[in-house]
């Protein structure tokens, strides 16, 4: 299973401190990863693990007709 950038996680935890946001879970989406591969991640901030991942397909409508 891939890991998420430690610096991004640390930055997010710092941002969340003292705010009225969910302190337990975070969603990460990487559009650098090729479509069809796992690029949507649900991350447990308290335990430091990815608890779910999924391919993310972006559907762009075709308005050319």
C-alpha atoms as a PDB file:
ATOM      1  CA  UNK A   1       0.000   0.000   0.000  1.00  0.00           C
ATOM      2  CA  UNK A   2       1.394   3.429  -0.862  1.00  0.00           C
ATOM      3  CA  UNK A   3       2.291   5.932   1.800  1.00  0.00           C
ATOM      4  CA  UNK A   4       1.266   9.551   1.904  1.00  0.00           C
ATOM      5  CA  UNK A   5       3.818  12.384   2.137  1.00  0.00           C
ATOM      6  CA  UNK A   6       4.691  12.830   5.818  1.00  0.00           C
ATOM      7  CA  UNK A   7       5.094  16.591   5.397  1.00  0.00           C
ATOM      8  CA  UNK A   8       1.550  16.955   3.996  1.00  0.00           C
ATOM      9  CA  UNK A   9       0.150  15.025   6.948  1.00  0.00           C
ATOM     10  CA  UNK A  10       2.141  17.131   9.432  1.00  0.00           C
ATOM     11  CA  UNK A  11       0.979  20.345   7.738  1.00  0.00           C
ATOM     12  CA  UNK A  12      -2.627  19.177   7.857  1.00  0.00           C
ATOM     13  CA  UNK A  13      -2.427  18.282  11.563  1.00  0.00           C
ATOM     14  CA  UNK A  14      -0.942  21.715  12.316  1.00  0.00           C
ATOM     15  CA  UNK A  15      -3.681  23.427  10.306  1.00  0.00           C
ATOM     16  CA  UNK A  16      -6.439  21.495  12.088  1.00  0.00           C
ATOM     17  CA  UNK A  17      -5.262  22.257  15.650  1.00  0.00           C
ATOM     18  CA  UNK A  18      -7.699  24.481  17.502  1.00  0.00           C
ATOM     19  CA  UNK A  19     -10.219  24.490  14.663  1.00  0.00           C
ATOM     20  CA  UNK A  20     -13.659  22.947  14.608  1.00  0.00           C
ATOM     21  CA  UNK A  21     -12.762  20.405  11.909  1.00  0.00           C
ATOM     22  CA  UNK A  22     -12.642  16.619  12.040  1.00  0.00           C
ATOM     23  CA  UNK A  23      -9.393  15.721  13.818  1.00  0.00           C
ATOM     24  CA  UNK A  24      -9.695  11.974  13.121  1.00  0.00           C
ATOM     25  CA  UNK A  25      -9.964  11.494   9.354  1.00  0.00           C
ATOM     26  CA  UNK A  26      -8.619  13.164   6.234  1.00  0.00           C
ATOM     27  CA  UNK A  27      -9.203  12.623   2.533  1.00  0.00           C
ATOM     28  CA  UNK A  28      -6.259  12.807   0.155  1.00  0.00           C
ATOM     29  CA  UNK A  29      -6.625  12.786  -3.622  1.00  0.00           C
ATOM     30  CA  UNK A  30      -3.588  12.584  -5.887  1.00  0.00           C
ATOM     31  CA  UNK A  31      -4.209  13.552  -9.477  1.00  0.00           C
ATOM     32  CA  UNK A  32      -0.565  12.771 -10.292  1.00  0.00           C
ATOM     33  CA  UNK A  33      -1.388   9.057 -10.099  1.00  0.00           C
ATOM     34  CA  UNK A  34      -2.724   7.607 -13.364  1.00  0.00           C
ATOM     35  CA  UNK A  35      -6.495   7.175 -13.670  1.00  0.00           C
ATOM     36  CA  UNK A  36      -7.604   3.679 -12.773  1.00  0.00           C
ATOM     37  CA  UNK A  37      -4.973   3.299 -10.063  1.00  0.00           C
ATOM     38  CA  UNK A  38      -5.540   4.035  -6.391  1.00  0.00           C
ATOM     39  CA  UNK A  39      -5.464   7.803  -5.956  1.00  0.00           C
ATOM     40  CA  UNK A  40      -8.236   8.504  -3.424  1.00  0.00           C
ATOM     41  CA  UNK A  41      -7.186   7.810   0.172  1.00  0.00           C
ATOM     42  CA  UNK A  42      -9.053   7.963   3.479  1.00  0.00           C
ATOM     43  CA  UNK A  43      -6.424   8.535   6.161  1.00  0.00           C
ATOM     44  CA  UNK A  44      -6.703   7.958   9.921  1.00  0.00           C
ATOM     45  CA  UNK A  45      -4.919  10.953  11.457  1.00  0.00           C
ATOM     46  CA  UNK A  46      -4.862   9.485  14.981  1.00  0.00           C
ATOM     47  CA  UNK A  47      -3.293   6.136  14.061  1.00  0.00           C
ATOM     48  CA  UNK A  48      -1.311   7.271  11.014  1.00  0.00           C
ATOM     49  CA  UNK A  49      -2.661   4.706   8.559  1.00  0.00           C
ATOM     50  CA  UNK A  50      -4.593   4.624   5.302  1.00  0.00           C
ATOM     51  CA  UNK A  51      -7.921   3.005   6.142  1.00  0.00           C
ATOM     52  CA  UNK A  52      -9.389   2.968   2.642  1.00  0.00           C
ATOM     53  CA  UNK A  53      -8.288   3.674  -0.905  1.00  0.00           C
ATOM     54  CA  UNK A  54     -10.023   3.744  -4.227  1.00  0.00           C
ATOM     55  CA  UNK A  55      -9.452   4.573  -7.872  1.00  0.00           C
ATOM     56  CA  UNK A  56     -10.877   7.982  -8.686  1.00  0.00           C
ATOM     57  CA  UNK A  57     -12.335   8.432 -12.132  1.00  0.00           C
ATOM     58  CA  UNK A  58     -13.029  11.951 -13.290  1.00  0.00           C
ATOM     59  CA  UNK A  59     -15.676  12.032 -15.931  1.00  0.00           C
ATOM     60  CA  UNK A  60     -15.556  15.067 -18.190  1.00  0.00           C
ATOM     61  CA  UNK A  61     -18.741  15.604 -20.175  1.00  0.00           C
ATOM     62  CA  UNK A  62     -18.458  15.986 -23.930  1.00  0.00           C
ATOM     63  CA  UNK A  63     -20.322  19.139 -24.959  1.00  0.00           C
ATOM     64  CA  UNK A  64     -19.174  19.006 -28.578  1.00  0.00           C
ATOM     65  CA  UNK A  65     -22.539  17.753 -29.937  1.00  0.00           C
END
